[in-house]
N, C-alpha and C. Protein backbone atom coordinates (compact mmCIF):
# COMPACT_ATOMS: atom_id res chain seq x y z
N MET A 1 289.71 43.60 127.98
CA MET A 1 290.31 43.67 128.47
C MET A 1 291.96 42.62 128.04
N THR A 2 291.74 41.49 127.01
CA THR A 2 292.33 40.09 126.44
C THR A 2 292.32 40.94 124.62
N LEU A 3 291.65 41.28 124.12
CA LEU A 3 292.58 42.05 123.27
C LEU A 3 292.64 42.89 123.85
N LYS A 4 293.47 43.55 123.93
CA LYS A 4 294.09 45.15 125.12
C LYS A 4 295.45 44.46 124.42
N LYS A 5 295.64 42.66 125.07
CA LYS A 5 296.96 42.93 125.56
C LYS A 5 297.10 41.60 123.64
N ILE A 6 296.47 41.05 123.41
CA ILE A 6 296.76 39.88 122.06
C ILE A 6 296.71 41.86 121.47
N GLU A 7 297.20 43.15 121.10
CA GLU A 7 296.68 44.33 120.23
C GLU A 7 297.96 44.20 121.01
N ARG A 8 299.17 44.93 121.55
CA ARG A 8 300.02 45.06 122.85
C ARG A 8 300.82 44.12 121.61
N SER A 9 300.87 43.01 121.47
CA SER A 9 301.81 41.97 121.66
C SER A 9 302.29 42.02 120.50
N LEU A 10 300.86 42.11 119.51
CA LEU A 10 301.38 42.00 117.72
C LEU A 10 301.64 43.90 117.52
N ASP A 11 302.22 44.96 118.02
CA ASP A 11 302.70 45.83 117.94
C ASP A 11 304.42 45.46 118.03
N ARG A 12 304.43 44.79 119.40
CA ARG A 12 305.79 44.40 119.13
C ARG A 12 305.93 43.45 118.28
N CYS A 13 305.59 43.34 117.46
CA CYS A 13 305.86 41.82 116.42
C CYS A 13 305.99 42.65 115.42
N ASN A 14 305.32 43.92 114.83
CA ASN A 14 305.23 44.58 113.81
C ASN A 14 305.75 44.90 112.89
N HIS A 15 306.71 45.63 112.93
CA HIS A 15 308.18 45.78 111.52
C HIS A 15 308.16 44.01 111.03
N LEU A 16 308.80 42.86 111.76
CA LEU A 16 308.82 40.97 111.64
C LEU A 16 307.70 41.14 110.74
N MET A 17 306.12 40.99 111.20
CA MET A 17 304.49 41.22 110.38
C MET A 17 305.47 42.01 108.86
N GLU A 18 305.22 43.16 109.36
CA GLU A 18 305.95 44.09 107.87
C GLU A 18 306.86 43.45 106.68
N LEU A 19 307.93 43.13 107.24
CA LEU A 19 308.88 42.27 106.72
C LEU A 19 308.76 41.20 106.03
N LEU A 20 308.14 40.04 106.59
CA LEU A 20 307.35 38.45 106.42
C LEU A 20 306.06 39.16 105.16
N ARG A 21 305.99 40.05 105.66
CA ARG A 21 304.53 40.25 104.56
C ARG A 21 304.98 40.62 103.44
N THR A 22 305.92 41.14 103.09
CA THR A 22 306.85 42.22 102.13
C THR A 22 308.55 40.94 101.40
N CYS A 23 308.66 40.26 101.95
CA CYS A 23 309.28 38.59 101.36
C CYS A 23 308.08 37.55 100.90
N LEU A 24 306.71 37.52 101.02
CA LEU A 24 306.15 36.74 100.57
C LEU A 24 305.23 37.03 99.63
N GLY A 25 305.19 38.16 99.60
CA GLY A 25 304.70 38.48 98.09
C GLY A 25 305.75 38.89 96.97
N VAL A 26 307.39 38.99 97.16
CA VAL A 26 307.95 38.93 96.76
C VAL A 26 308.30 37.82 95.83
N MET A 27 308.08 36.36 96.92
CA MET A 27 308.36 34.94 96.76
C MET A 27 307.27 34.86 95.39
N THR A 28 305.78 35.36 95.74
CA THR A 28 304.74 35.01 95.43
C THR A 28 305.32 35.51 94.38
N LEU A 29 305.51 37.02 93.88
CA LEU A 29 306.41 36.82 91.98
C LEU A 29 306.78 36.39 91.33
N LEU A 30 308.01 36.27 92.13
CA LEU A 30 309.11 35.20 91.75
C LEU A 30 308.49 34.53 91.04
N LEU A 31 307.64 33.62 91.78
CA LEU A 31 307.27 32.07 91.32
C LEU A 31 306.02 32.60 90.52
N GLN A 32 305.19 33.95 90.52
CA GLN A 32 304.30 33.16 88.81
C GLN A 32 304.95 33.82 87.93
N VAL A 33 306.26 34.04 87.47
CA VAL A 33 307.01 34.28 86.45
C VAL A 33 307.60 33.66 86.23
N VAL A 34 308.37 32.39 86.97
CA VAL A 34 308.67 31.45 86.74
C VAL A 34 307.47 30.54 86.20
N ILE A 35 306.06 30.65 86.80
CA ILE A 35 304.85 30.01 86.16
C ILE A 35 304.79 30.22 84.23
N LEU A 36 305.24 31.18 84.89
CA LEU A 36 304.77 32.23 82.83
C LEU A 36 305.04 32.37 82.17
N LEU A 37 307.10 31.91 82.59
CA LEU A 37 308.05 31.83 81.34
C LEU A 37 307.90 30.08 81.36
N LYS A 38 307.53 29.20 81.76
CA LYS A 38 307.55 28.01 82.20
C LYS A 38 306.17 27.58 80.96
N LEU A 39 305.50 28.22 81.26
CA LEU A 39 303.64 27.93 79.86
C LEU A 39 304.71 28.10 78.71
N PHE A 40 304.95 29.89 78.91
CA PHE A 40 305.32 29.72 77.56
C PHE A 40 306.77 29.22 76.93
N GLY A 41 307.13 28.51 77.87
CA GLY A 41 308.50 28.36 76.83
C GLY A 41 309.83 28.61 76.56
N VAL A 42 310.20 29.69 77.79
CA VAL A 42 311.18 30.42 77.19
C VAL A 42 312.06 29.78 78.29
N ILE A 43 311.61 29.25 78.86
CA ILE A 43 312.65 28.29 80.28
C ILE A 43 312.26 27.41 80.11
């Protein structure tokens, strides 16, 4: 019963969670590029 309530509440904010996951992925990728550029002395 409790599991179904949790699942329903997570389903309501599913689009928000997908947006946050996408944004975090893009930010991680950008941070890795900046670190690599600094490592190789480009910036």
